[in-house]
Amino acid sequence: MVEGIVNFSDWEKLDLRVAKIKEVEEIEGADKLYKLTLDVGAEIGERIVCAGLKQYYSREDLKGKKIILFVNLAPRKMRGIESQGMILAAVSEDESQVVLISPEKDIEIGSKIR
């Protein structure tokens, strides 16, 4: 079942970009979250994002990976850290699998998703 219909004008408001994970840090007391430092290219620069990926990815697996970032999502405090966006991932129905969405081929960091 499809959840809600989005008008094209709403879709155009989303700013999705290719970003590269530069740093992956533990967050004290957080069982699921990592603090990620992302490079989103020259136009946007660095962003800090908290992501619940611990049970699916090691720190080593994440570092250097290119991902897709929802850039213009309103910031949200998580464990005292301002998370400045959201990484896109596919999630199985029972949430036993989480797979990050990444570019199929190498492309410049900061490239827009359309």
PDB file of N, CA and C in Angstrom:
ATOM      1  N   MET A   1       0.839  -1.182   0.000  1.00  0.00           N
ATOM      2  CA  MET A   1       0.000   0.000   0.000  1.00  0.00           C
ATOM      3  C   MET A   1       0.888   1.251   0.000  1.00  0.00           C
ATOM      4  N   VAL A   2       0.540   2.204  -0.807  1.00  0.00           N
ATOM      5  CA  VAL A   2       1.284   3.456  -0.896  1.00  0.00           C
ATOM      6  C   VAL A   2       0.771   4.407   0.175  1.00  0.00           C
ATOM      7  N   GLU A   3       1.702   5.029   0.890  1.00  0.00           N
ATOM      8  CA  GLU A   3       1.329   5.936   1.972  1.00  0.00           C
ATOM      9  C   GLU A   3       1.310   7.378   1.492  1.00  0.00           C
ATOM     10  N   GLY A   4       0.123   7.923   1.248  1.00  0.00           N
ATOM     11  CA  GLY A   4      -0.012   9.326   0.873  1.00  0.00           C
ATOM     12  C   GLY A   4       0.576   9.634  -0.494  1.00  0.00           C
ATOM     13  N   ILE A   5      -0.008  10.540  -1.164  1.00  0.00           N
ATOM     14  CA  ILE A   5       0.453  10.979  -2.476  1.00  0.00           C
ATOM     15  C   ILE A   5       1.102  12.347  -2.311  1.00  0.00           C
ATOM     16  N   VAL A   6       2.250  12.527  -2.922  1.00  0.00           N
ATOM     17  CA  VAL A   6       2.997  13.782  -2.832  1.00  0.00           C
ATOM     18  C   VAL A   6       2.921  14.477  -4.178  1.00  0.00           C
ATOM     19  N   ASN A   7       2.563  15.729  -4.168  1.00  0.00           N
ATOM     20  CA  ASN A   7       2.556  16.525  -5.396  1.00  0.00           C
ATOM     21  C   ASN A   7       3.991  16.790  -5.837  1.00  0.00           C
ATOM     22  N   PHE A   8       4.175  16.967  -7.140  1.00  0.00           N
ATOM     23  CA  PHE A   8       5.506  17.238  -7.669  1.00  0.00           C
ATOM     24  C   PHE A   8       6.107  18.487  -7.032  1.00  0.00           C
ATOM     25  N   SER A   9       5.291  19.473  -6.762  1.00  0.00           N
ATOM     26  CA  SER A   9       5.797  20.706  -6.139  1.00  0.00           C
ATOM     27  C   SER A   9       6.369  20.428  -4.745  1.00  0.00           C
ATOM     28  N   ASP A  10       5.821  19.432  -4.034  1.00  0.00           N
ATOM     29  CA  ASP A  10       6.371  19.040  -2.726  1.00  0.00           C
ATOM     30  C   ASP A  10       7.704  18.312  -2.911  1.00  0.00           C
ATOM     31  N   TRP A  11       7.770  17.426  -3.893  1.00  0.00           N
ATOM     32  CA  TRP A  11       9.009  16.701  -4.183  1.00  0.00           C
ATOM     33  C   TRP A  11      10.145  17.676  -4.490  1.00  0.00           C
ATOM     34  N   GLU A  12       9.850  18.738  -5.230  1.00  0.00           N
ATOM     35  CA  GLU A  12      10.875  19.715  -5.614  1.00  0.00           C
ATOM     36  C   GLU A  12      11.486  20.436  -4.414  1.00  0.00           C
ATOM     37  N   LYS A  13      10.797  20.434  -3.284  1.00  0.00           N
ATOM     38  CA  LYS A  13      11.300  21.101  -2.077  1.00  0.00           C
ATOM     39  C   LYS A  13      12.418  20.317  -1.402  1.00  0.00           C
ATOM     40  N   LEU A  14      12.486  19.012  -1.657  1.00  0.00           N
ATOM     41  CA  LEU A  14      13.510  18.176  -1.030  1.00  0.00           C
ATOM     42  C   LEU A  14      14.866  18.436  -1.675  1.00  0.00           C
ATOM     43  N   ASP A  15      15.873  18.630  -0.832  1.00  0.00           N
ATOM     44  CA  ASP A  15      17.245  18.785  -1.316  1.00  0.00           C
ATOM     45  C   ASP A  15      18.008  17.532  -0.899  1.00  0.00           C
ATOM     46  N   LEU A  16      18.200  16.634  -1.845  1.00  0.00           N
ATOM     47  CA  LEU A  16      18.916  15.382  -1.620  1.00  0.00           C
ATOM     48  C   LEU A  16      20.261  15.477  -2.325  1.00  0.00           C
ATOM     49  N   ARG A  17      21.332  15.140  -1.610  1.00  0.00           N
ATOM     50  CA  ARG A  17      22.686  15.280  -2.162  1.00  0.00           C
ATOM     51  C   ARG A  17      23.534  14.055  -1.875  1.00  0.00           C
ATOM     52  N   VAL A  18      24.527  13.849  -2.705  1.00  0.00           N
ATOM     53  CA  VAL A  18      25.545  12.846  -2.447  1.00  0.00           C
ATOM     54  C   VAL A  18      26.497  13.421  -1.399  1.00  0.00           C
ATOM     55  N   ALA A  19      26.765  12.641  -0.366  1.00  0.00           N
ATOM     56  CA  ALA A  19      27.696  13.052   0.686  1.00  0.00           C
ATOM     57  C   ALA A  19      28.647  11.895   0.970  1.00  0.00           C
ATOM     58  N   LYS A  20      29.781  12.225   1.569  1.00  0.00           N
ATOM     59  CA  LYS A  20      30.764  11.204   1.932  1.00  0.00           C
ATOM     60  C   LYS A  20      30.961  11.228   3.442  1.00  0.00           C
ATOM     61  N   ILE A  21      30.938  10.061   4.048  1.00  0.00           N
ATOM     62  CA  ILE A  21      31.124   9.951   5.498  1.00  0.00           C
ATOM     63  C   ILE A  21      32.611  10.101   5.803  1.00  0.00           C
ATOM     64  N   LYS A  22      32.959  11.183   6.524  1.00  0.00           N
ATOM     65  CA  LYS A  22      34.357  11.464   6.866  1.00  0.00           C
ATOM     66  C   LYS A  22      34.750  10.853   8.202  1.00  0.00           C
ATOM     67  N   GLU A  23      33.846  10.964   9.193  1.00  0.00           N
ATOM     68  CA  GLU A  23      34.132  10.470  10.540  1.00  0.00           C
ATOM     69  C   GLU A  23      32.923   9.755  11.092  1.00  0.00           C
ATOM     70  N   VAL A  24      33.177   8.721  11.884  1.00  0.00           N
ATOM     71  CA  VAL A  24      32.121   7.970  12.563  1.00  0.00           C
ATOM     72  C   VAL A  24      32.518   7.891  14.029  1.00  0.00           C
ATOM     73  N   GLU A  25      31.672   8.449  14.908  1.00  0.00           N
ATOM     74  CA  GLU A  25      31.996   8.485  16.330  1.00  0.00           C
ATOM     75  C   GLU A  25      30.900   7.823  17.153  1.00  0.00           C
ATOM     76  N   GLU A  26      31.335   7.215  18.253  1.00  0.00           N
ATOM     77  CA  GLU A  26      30.396   6.671  19.231  1.00  0.00           C
ATOM     78  C   GLU A  26      29.747   7.845  19.965  1.00  0.00           C
ATOM     79  N   ILE A  27      28.511   7.651  20.393  1.00  0.00           N
ATOM     80  CA  ILE A  27      27.818   8.634  21.223  1.00  0.00           C
ATOM     81  C   ILE A  27      27.621   7.979  22.580  1.00  0.00           C
ATOM     82  N   GLU A  28      28.150   8.594  23.617  1.00  0.00           N
ATOM     83  CA  GLU A  28      28.086   8.022  24.961  1.00  0.00           C
ATOM     84  C   GLU A  28      26.650   7.698  25.352  1.00  0.00           C
ATOM     85  N   GLY A  29      26.427   6.462  25.768  1.00  0.00           N
ATOM     86  CA  GLY A  29      25.111   6.025  26.229  1.00  0.00           C
ATOM     87  C   GLY A  29      24.122   5.674  25.131  1.00  0.00           C
ATOM     88  N   ALA A  30      24.532   5.763  23.870  1.00  0.00           N
ATOM     89  CA  ALA A  30      23.614   5.476  22.760  1.00  0.00           C
ATOM     90  C   ALA A  30      23.884   4.073  22.221  1.00  0.00           C
ATOM     91  N   ASP A  31      22.874   3.207  22.290  1.00  0.00           N
ATOM     92  CA  ASP A  31      23.015   1.833  21.812  1.00  0.00           C
ATOM     93  C   ASP A  31      22.901   1.718  20.298  1.00  0.00           C
ATOM     94  N   LYS A  32      22.180   2.648  19.671  1.00  0.00           N
ATOM     95  CA  LYS A  32      21.893   2.533  18.241  1.00  0.00           C
ATOM     96  C   LYS A  32      22.566   3.604  17.392  1.00  0.00           C
ATOM     97  N   LEU A  33      22.876   4.751  17.989  1.00  0.00           N
ATOM     98  CA  LEU A  33      23.308   5.917  17.212  1.00  0.00           C
ATOM     99  C   LEU A  33      24.814   6.046  17.049  1.00  0.00           C
ATOM    100  N   TYR A  34      25.196   6.505  15.866  1.00  0.00           N
ATOM    101  CA  TYR A  34      26.541   7.016  15.599  1.00  0.00           C
ATOM    102  C   TYR A  34      26.410   8.514  15.322  1.00  0.00           C
ATOM    103  N   LYS A  35      27.465   9.241  15.613  1.00  0.00           N
ATOM    104  CA  LYS A  35      27.590  10.632  15.178  1.00  0.00           C
ATOM    105  C   LYS A  35      28.467  10.602  13.934  1.00  0.00           C
ATOM    106  N   LEU A  36      27.918  11.069  12.813  1.00  0.00           N
ATOM    107  CA  LEU A  36      28.626  11.050  11.546  1.00  0.00           C
ATOM    108  C   LEU A  36      28.971  12.468  11.110  1.00  0.00           C
ATOM    109  N   THR A  37      30.188  12.676  10.673  1.00  0.00           N
ATOM    110  CA  THR A  37      30.586  13.930  10.044  1.00  0.00           C
ATOM    111  C   THR A  37      30.616  13.661   8.554  1.00  0.00           C
ATOM    112  N   LEU A  38      29.842  14.442   7.808  1.00  0.00           N
ATOM    113  CA  LEU A  38      29.676  14.231   6.373  1.00  0.00           C
ATOM    114  C   LEU A  38      30.246  15.396   5.579  1.00  0.00           C
ATOM    115  N   ASP A  39      30.864  15.090   4.464  1.00  0.00           N
ATOM    116  CA  ASP A  39      31.280  16.101   3.497  1.00  0.00           C
ATOM    117  C   ASP A  39      30.202  16.129   2.422  1.00  0.00           C
ATOM    118  N   VAL A  40      29.545  17.305   2.271  1.00  0.00           N
ATOM    119  CA  VAL A  40      28.457  17.445   1.307  1.00  0.00           C
ATOM    120  C   VAL A  40      28.889  18.326   0.131  1.00  0.00           C
ATOM    121  N   GLY A  41      30.182  18.529  -0.033  1.00  0.00           N
ATOM    122  CA  GLY A  41      30.684  19.303  -1.161  1.00  0.00           C
ATOM    123  C   GLY A  41      30.902  20.760  -0.820  1.00  0.00           C
ATOM    124  N   ALA A  42      31.488  21.484  -1.779  1.00  0.00           N
ATOM    125  CA  ALA A  42      31.892  22.877  -1.567  1.00  0.00           C
ATOM    126  C   ALA A  42      30.721  23.804  -1.252  1.00  0.00           C
ATOM    127  N   GLU A  43      29.582  23.607  -1.889  1.00  0.00           N
ATOM    128  CA  GLU A  43      28.432  24.504  -1.700  1.00  0.00           C
ATOM    129  C   GLU A  43      27.871  24.426  -0.280  1.00  0.00           C
ATOM    130  N   ILE A  44      27.802  23.244   0.288  1.00  0.00           N
ATOM    131  CA  ILE A  44      27.175  23.044   1.606  1.00  0.00           C
ATOM    132  C   ILE A  44      28.203  22.844   2.704  1.00  0.00           C
ATOM    133  N   GLY A  45      29.280  22.159   2.413  1.00  0.00           N
ATOM    134  CA  GLY A  45      30.325  21.925   3.412  1.00  0.00           C
ATOM    135  C   GLY A  45      30.058  20.681   4.241  1.00  0.00           C
ATOM    136  N   GLU A  46      30.448  20.745   5.511  1.00  0.00           N
ATOM    137  CA  GLU A  46      30.267  19.611   6.408  1.00  0.00           C
ATOM    138  C   GLU A  46      28.931  19.667   7.132  1.00  0.00           C
ATOM    139  N   ARG A  47      28.411  18.498   7.437  1.00  0.00           N
ATOM    140  CA  ARG A  47      27.198  18.354   8.242  1.00  0.00           C
ATOM    141  C   ARG A  47      27.439  17.260   9.271  1.00  0.00           C
ATOM    142  N   ILE A  48      26.815  17.432  10.429  1.00  0.00           N
ATOM    143  CA  ILE A  48      26.804  16.407  11.475  1.00  0.00           C
ATOM    144  C   ILE A  48      25.424  15.765  11.452  1.00  0.00           C
ATOM    145  N   VAL A  49      25.397  14.433  11.432  1.00  0.00           N
ATOM    146  CA  VAL A  49      24.133  13.698  11.419  1.00  0.00           C
ATOM    147  C   VAL A  49      24.244  12.550  12.420  1.00  0.00           C
ATOM    148  N   CYS A  50      23.201  12.351  13.197  1.00  0.00           N
ATOM    149  CA  CYS A  50      23.105  11.181  14.066  1.00  0.00           C
ATOM    150  C   CYS A  50      22.267  10.142  13.327  1.00  0.00           C
ATOM    151  N   ALA A  51      22.762   8.914  13.296  1.00  0.00           N
ATOM    152  CA  ALA A  51      22.069   7.862  12.545  1.00  0.00           C
ATOM    153  C   ALA A  51      22.062   6.560  13.339  1.00  0.00           C
ATOM    154  N   GLY A  52      20.912   5.922  13.407  1.00  0.00           N
ATOM    155  CA  GLY A  52      20.745   4.669  14.123  1.00  0.00           C
ATOM    156  C   GLY A  52      21.210   3.480  13.317  1.00  0.00           C
ATOM    157  N   LEU A  53      22.516   3.361  13.142  1.00  0.00           N
ATOM    158  CA  LEU A  53      23.077   2.342  12.256  1.00  0.00           C
ATOM    159  C   LEU A  53      23.976   1.323  12.958  1.00  0.00           C
ATOM    160  N   LYS A  54      24.159   1.445  14.268  1.00  0.00           N
ATOM    161  CA  LYS A  54      25.125   0.601  14.981  1.00  0.00           C
ATOM    162  C   LYS A  54      24.898  -0.889  14.787  1.00  0.00           C
ATOM    163  N   GLN A  55      23.662  -1.330  14.812  1.00  0.00           N
ATOM    164  CA  GLN A  55      23.427  -2.772  14.711  1.00  0.00           C
ATOM    165  C   GLN A  55      23.537  -3.284  13.276  1.00  0.00           C
ATOM    166  N   TYR A  56      23.701  -2.375  12.311  1.00  0.00           N
ATOM    167  CA  TYR A  56      23.749  -2.767  10.902  1.00  0.00           C
ATOM    168  C   TYR A  56      25.109  -2.542  10.246  1.00  0.00           C
ATOM    169  N   TYR A  57      25.876  -1.569  10.746  1.00  0.00           N
ATOM    170  CA  TYR A  57      27.156  -1.214  10.146  1.00  0.00           C
ATOM    171  C   TYR A  57      28.204  -0.958  11.228  1.00  0.00           C
ATOM    172  N   SER A  58      29.425  -1.403  10.959  1.00  0.00           N
ATOM    173  CA  SER A  58      30.536  -1.057  11.845  1.00  0.00           C
ATOM    174  C   SER A  58      31.036   0.337  11.468  1.00  0.00           C
ATOM    175  N   ARG A  59      31.803   0.920  12.347  1.00  0.00           N
ATOM    176  CA  ARG A  59      32.387   2.235  12.060  1.00  0.00           C
ATOM    177  C   ARG A  59      33.270   2.157  10.812  1.00  0.00           C
ATOM    178  N   GLU A  60      34.018   1.074  10.688  1.00  0.00           N
ATOM    179  CA  GLU A  60      34.926   0.898   9.556  1.00  0.00           C
ATOM    180  C   GLU A  60      34.156   0.782   8.239  1.00  0.00           C
ATOM    181  N   ASP A  61      33.005   0.108   8.268  1.00  0.00           N
ATOM    182  CA  ASP A  61      32.183  -0.035   7.057  1.00  0.00           C
ATOM    183  C   ASP A  61      31.632   1.305   6.581  1.00  0.00           C
ATOM    184  N   LEU A  62      31.372   2.211   7.512  1.00  0.00           N
ATOM    185  CA  LEU A  62      30.756   3.496   7.162  1.00  0.00           C
ATOM    186  C   LEU A  62      31.770   4.535   6.679  1.00  0.00           C
ATOM    187  N   LYS A  63      32.930   4.561   7.301  1.00  0.00           N
ATOM    188  CA  LYS A  63      33.910   5.609   6.980  1.00  0.00           C
ATOM    189  C   LYS A  63      34.314   5.535   5.508  1.00  0.00           C
ATOM    190  N   GLY A  64      34.185   6.673   4.818  1.00  0.00           N
ATOM    191  CA  GLY A  64      34.557   6.784   3.413  1.00  0.00           C
ATOM    192  C   GLY A  64      33.438   6.448   2.442  1.00  0.00           C
ATOM    193  N   LYS A  65      32.314   5.970   2.954  1.00  0.00           N
ATOM    194  CA  LYS A  65      31.188   5.559   2.102  1.00  0.00           C
ATOM    195  C   LYS A  65      30.444   6.789   1.580  1.00  0.00           C
ATOM    196  N   LYS A  66      30.059   6.751   0.302  1.00  0.00           N
ATOM    197  CA  LYS A  66      29.197   7.796  -0.257  1.00  0.00           C
ATOM    198  C   LYS A  66      27.746   7.377  -0.061  1.00  0.00           C
ATOM    199  N   ILE A  67      26.958   8.318   0.401  1.00  0.00           N
ATOM    200  CA  ILE A  67      25.555   8.056   0.719  1.00  0.00           C
ATOM    201  C   ILE A  67      24.690   9.184   0.158  1.00  0.00           C
ATOM    202  N   ILE A  68      23.377   9.067   0.354  1.00  0.00           N
ATOM    203  CA  ILE A  68      22.447  10.123  -0.040  1.00  0.00           C
ATOM    204  C   ILE A  68      21.930  10.786   1.239  1.00  0.00           C
ATOM    205  N   LEU A  69      22.019  12.109   1.279  1.00  0.00           N
ATOM    206  CA  LEU A  69      21.632  12.886   2.454  1.00  0.00           C
ATOM    207  C   LEU A  69      20.465  13.803   2.128  1.00  0.00           C
ATOM    208  N   PHE A  70      19.454  13.774   2.987  1.00  0.00           N
ATOM    209  CA  PHE A  70      18.330  14.717   2.942  1.00  0.00           C
ATOM    210  C   PHE A  70      18.842  15.959   3.662  1.00  0.00           C
ATOM    211  N   VAL A  71      19.254  16.965   2.886  1.00  0.00           N
ATOM    212  CA  VAL A  71      19.975  18.126   3.397  1.00  0.00           C
ATOM    213  C   VAL A  71      19.077  19.148   4.087  1.00  0.00           C
ATOM    214  N   ASN A  72      17.912  19.415   3.526  1.00  0.00           N
ATOM    215  CA  ASN A  72      17.101  20.513   4.065  1.00  0.00           C
ATOM    216  C   ASN A  72      16.007  20.050   5.038  1.00  0.00           C
ATOM    217  N   LEU A  73      16.242  18.947   5.714  1.00  0.00           N
ATOM    218  CA  LEU A  73      15.374  18.518   6.808  1.00  0.00           C
ATOM    219  C   LEU A  73      15.669  19.401   8.016  1.00  0.00           C
ATOM    220  N   ALA A  74      14.636  19.820   8.732  1.00  0.00           N
ATOM    221  CA  ALA A  74      14.846  20.656   9.914  1.00  0.00           C
ATOM    222  C   ALA A  74      15.756  19.938  10.913  1.00  0.00           C
ATOM    223  N   PRO A  75      16.732  20.652  11.499  1.00  0.00           N
ATOM    224  CA  PRO A  75      17.637  20.031  12.480  1.00  0.00           C
ATOM    225  C   PRO A  75      16.858  19.474  13.674  1.00  0.00           C
ATOM    226  N   ARG A  76      17.440  18.432  14.294  1.00  0.00           N
ATOM    227  CA  ARG A  76      16.799  17.788  15.442  1.00  0.00           C
ATOM    228  C   ARG A  76      17.872  17.400  16.450  1.00  0.00           C
ATOM    229  N   LYS A  77      17.641  17.684  17.733  1.00  0.00           N
ATOM    230  CA  LYS A  77      18.577  17.305  18.790  1.00  0.00           C
ATOM    231  C   LYS A  77      18.406  15.834  19.116  1.00  0.00           C
ATOM    232  N   MET A  78      19.527  15.116  19.110  1.00  0.00           N
ATOM    233  CA  MET A  78      19.543  13.703  19.471  1.00  0.00           C
ATOM    234  C   MET A  78      20.723  13.484  20.408  1.00  0.00           C
ATOM    235  N   ARG A  79      20.430  13.060  21.637  1.00  0.00           N
ATOM    236  CA  ARG A  79      21.483  12.839  22.637  1.00  0.00           C
ATOM    237  C   ARG A  79      22.373  14.076  22.794  1.00  0.00           C
ATOM    238  N   GLY A  80      21.741  15.258  22.721  1.00  0.00           N
ATOM    239  CA  GLY A  80      22.461  16.512  22.898  1.00  0.00           C
ATOM    240  C   GLY A  80      23.221  16.990  21.672  1.00  0.00           C
ATOM    241  N   ILE A  81      23.116  16.281  20.567  1.00  0.00           N
ATOM    242  CA  ILE A  81      23.817  16.645  19.328  1.00  0.00           C
ATOM    243  C   ILE A  81      22.784  17.100  18.306  1.00  0.00           C
ATOM    244  N   GLU A  82      23.045  18.231  17.650  1.00  0.00           N
ATOM    245  CA  GLU A  82      22.138  18.694  16.602  1.00  0.00           C
ATOM    246  C   GLU A  82      22.408  17.909  15.318  1.00  0.00           C
ATOM    247  N   SER A  83      21.448  17.091  14.927  1.00  0.00           N
ATOM    248  CA  SER A  83      21.544  16.313  13.699  1.00  0.00           C
ATOM    249  C   SER A  83      21.023  17.172  12.552  1.00  0.00           C
ATOM    250  N   GLN A  84      21.850  17.352  11.528  1.00  0.00           N
ATOM    251  CA  GLN A  84      21.571  18.301  10.454  1.00  0.00           C
ATOM    252  C   GLN A  84      21.244  17.605   9.139  1.00  0.00           C
ATOM    253  N   GLY A  85      20.262  16.730   9.172  1.00  0.00           N
ATOM    254  CA  GLY A  85      19.853  16.019   7.973  1.00  0.00           C
ATOM    255  C   GLY A  85      19.531  14.577   8.288  1.00  0.00           C
ATOM    256  N   MET A  86      19.245  13.810   7.229  1.00  0.00           N
ATOM    257  CA  MET A  86      18.939  12.393   7.394  1.00  0.00           C
ATOM    258  C   MET A  86      19.532  11.610   6.229  1.00  0.00           C
ATOM    259  N   ILE A  87      20.190  10.512   6.569  1.00  0.00           N
ATOM    260  CA  ILE A  87      20.741   9.618   5.562  1.00  0.00           C
ATOM    261  C   ILE A  87      19.628   8.700   5.076  1.00  0.00           C
ATOM    262  N   LEU A  88      19.551   8.498   3.767  1.00  0.00           N
ATOM    263  CA  LEU A  88      18.519   7.625   3.217  1.00  0.00           C
ATOM    264  C   LEU A  88      18.959   6.167   3.258  1.00  0.00           C
ATOM    265  N   ALA A  89      18.015   5.308   3.650  1.00  0.00           N
ATOM    266  CA  ALA A  89      18.281   3.869   3.733  1.00  0.00           C
ATOM    267  C   ALA A  89      17.009   3.107   3.399  1.00  0.00           C
ATOM    268  N   ALA A  90      17.194   1.901   2.902  1.00  0.00           N
ATOM    269  CA  ALA A  90      16.080   0.974   2.711  1.00  0.00           C
ATOM    270  C   ALA A  90      15.982   0.134   3.984  1.00  0.00           C
ATOM    271  N   VAL A  91      14.749  -0.084   4.460  1.00  0.00           N
ATOM    272  CA  VAL A  91      14.520  -0.814   5.710  1.00  0.00           C
ATOM    273  C   VAL A  91      13.517  -1.925   5.452  1.00  0.00           C
ATOM    274  N   SER A  92      13.889  -3.156   5.828  1.00  0.00           N
ATOM    275  CA  SER A  92      12.963  -4.275   5.662  1.00  0.00           C
ATOM    276  C   SER A  92      11.757  -4.084   6.577  1.00  0.00           C
ATOM    277  N   GLU A  93      10.660  -4.737   6.235  1.00  0.00           N
ATOM    278  CA  GLU A  93       9.413  -4.557   6.980  1.00  0.00           C
ATOM    279  C   GLU A  93       9.584  -4.860   8.470  1.00  0.00           C
ATOM    280  N   ASP A  94      10.358  -5.887   8.802  1.00  0.00           N
ATOM    281  CA  ASP A  94      10.564  -6.239  10.214  1.00  0.00           C
ATOM    282  C   ASP A  94      11.769  -5.511  10.822  1.00  0.00           C
ATOM    283  N   GLU A  95      12.373  -4.611  10.076  1.00  0.00           N
ATOM    284  CA  GLU A  95      13.524  -3.800  10.487  1.00  0.00           C
ATOM    285  C   GLU A  95      14.756  -4.632  10.837  1.00  0.00           C
ATOM    286  N   SER A  96      14.824  -5.857  10.329  1.00  0.00           N
ATOM    287  CA  SER A  96      16.003  -6.684  10.571  1.00  0.00           C
ATOM    288  C   SER A  96      17.147  -6.308   9.624  1.00  0.00           C
ATOM    289  N   GLN A  97      16.822  -5.622   8.538  1.00  0.00           N
ATOM    290  CA  GLN A  97      17.838  -5.180   7.591  1.00  0.00           C
ATOM    291  C   GLN A  97      17.692  -3.688   7.327  1.00  0.00           C
ATOM    292  N   VAL A  98      18.810  -3.003   7.321  1.00  0.00           N
ATOM    293  CA  VAL A  98      18.890  -1.598   6.928  1.00  0.00           C
ATOM    294  C   VAL A  98      20.058  -1.493   5.965  1.00  0.00           C
ATOM    295  N   VAL A  99      19.795  -0.965   4.774  1.00  0.00           N
ATOM    296  CA  VAL A  99      20.815  -0.839   3.739  1.00  0.00           C
ATOM    297  C   VAL A  99      20.858   0.621   3.290  1.00  0.00           C
ATOM    298  N   LEU A 100      22.023   1.228   3.408  1.00  0.00           N
ATOM    299  CA  LEU A 100      22.170   2.623   2.992  1.00  0.00           C
ATOM    300  C   LEU A 100      22.011   2.751   1.486  1.00  0.00           C
ATOM    301  N   ILE A 101      21.393   3.842   1.067  1.00  0.00           N
ATOM    302  CA  ILE A 101      21.245   4.155  -0.350  1.00  0.00           C
ATOM    303  C   ILE A 101      22.502   4.918  -0.771  1.00  0.00           C
ATOM    304  N   SER A 102      23.138   4.447  -1.824  1.00  0.00           N
ATOM    305  CA  SER A 102      24.358   5.103  -2.282  1.00  0.00           C
ATOM    306  C   SER A 102      24.362   5.153  -3.809  1.00  0.00           C
ATOM    307  N   PRO A 103      25.164   6.063  -4.386  1.00  0.00           N
ATOM    308  CA  PRO A 103      25.228   6.159  -5.848  1.00  0.00           C
ATOM    309  C   PRO A 103      25.736   4.858  -6.461  1.00  0.00           C
ATOM    310  N   GLU A 104      25.190   4.500  -7.596  1.00  0.00           N
ATOM    311  CA  GLU A 104      25.587   3.286  -8.312  1.00  0.00           C
ATOM    312  C   GLU A 104      27.024   3.387  -8.827  1.00  0.00           C
ATOM    313  N   LYS A 105      27.395   4.583  -9.301  1.00  0.00           N
ATOM    314  CA  LYS A 105      28.738   4.844  -9.819  1.00  0.00           C
ATOM    315  C   LYS A 105      29.332   5.999  -9.042  1.00  0.00           C
ATOM    316  N   ASP A 106      30.640   6.189  -9.196  1.00  0.00           N
ATOM    317  CA  ASP A 106      31.297   7.301  -8.526  1.00  0.00           C
ATOM    318  C   ASP A 106      30.811   8.616  -9.125  1.00  0.00           C
ATOM    319  N   ILE A 107      30.472   9.549  -8.259  1.00  0.00           N
ATOM    320  CA  ILE A 107      29.992  10.875  -8.677  1.00  0.00           C
ATOM    321  C   ILE A 107      30.459  11.884  -7.653  1.00  0.00           C
ATOM    322  N   GLU A 108      30.595  13.123  -8.082  1.00  0.00           N
ATOM    323  CA  GLU A 108      31.090  14.200  -7.243  1.00  0.00           C
ATOM    324  C   GLU A 108      30.241  14.383  -5.980  1.00  0.00           C
ATOM    325  N   ILE A 109      30.924  14.581  -4.850  1.00  0.00           N
ATOM    326  CA  ILE A 109      30.235  14.873  -3.602  1.00  0.00           C
ATOM    327  C   ILE A 109      29.493  16.197  -3.758  1.00  0.00           C
ATOM    328  N   GLY A 110      28.262  16.247  -3.243  1.00  0.00           N
ATOM    329  CA  GLY A 110      27.432  17.433  -3.374  1.00  0.00           C
ATOM    330  C   GLY A 110      26.478  17.383  -4.546  1.00  0.00           C
ATOM    331  N   SER A 111      26.623  16.363  -5.415  1.00  0.00           N
ATOM    332  CA  SER A 111      25.720  16.229  -6.566  1.00  0.00           C
ATOM    333  C   SER A 111      24.277  16.103  -6.089  1.00  0.00           C
ATOM    334  N   LYS A 112      23.357  16.735  -6.815  1.00  0.00           N
ATOM    335  CA  LYS A 112      21.934  16.717  -6.458  1.00  0.00           C
ATOM    336  C   LYS A 112      21.264  15.456  -6.972  1.00  0.00           C
ATOM    337  N   ILE A 113      20.302  14.963  -6.201  1.00  0.00           N
ATOM    338  CA  ILE A 113      19.472  13.833  -6.601  1.00  0.00           C
ATOM    339  C   ILE A 113      18.199  14.417  -7.195  1.00  0.00           C
ATOM    340  N   ARG A 114      17.853  13.966  -8.379  1.00  0.00           N
ATOM    341  CA  ARG A 114      16.648  14.462  -9.050  1.00  0.00           C
ATOM    342  C   ARG A 114      15.792  13.306  -9.518  1.00  0.00           C
TER     343      ARG A 114
END
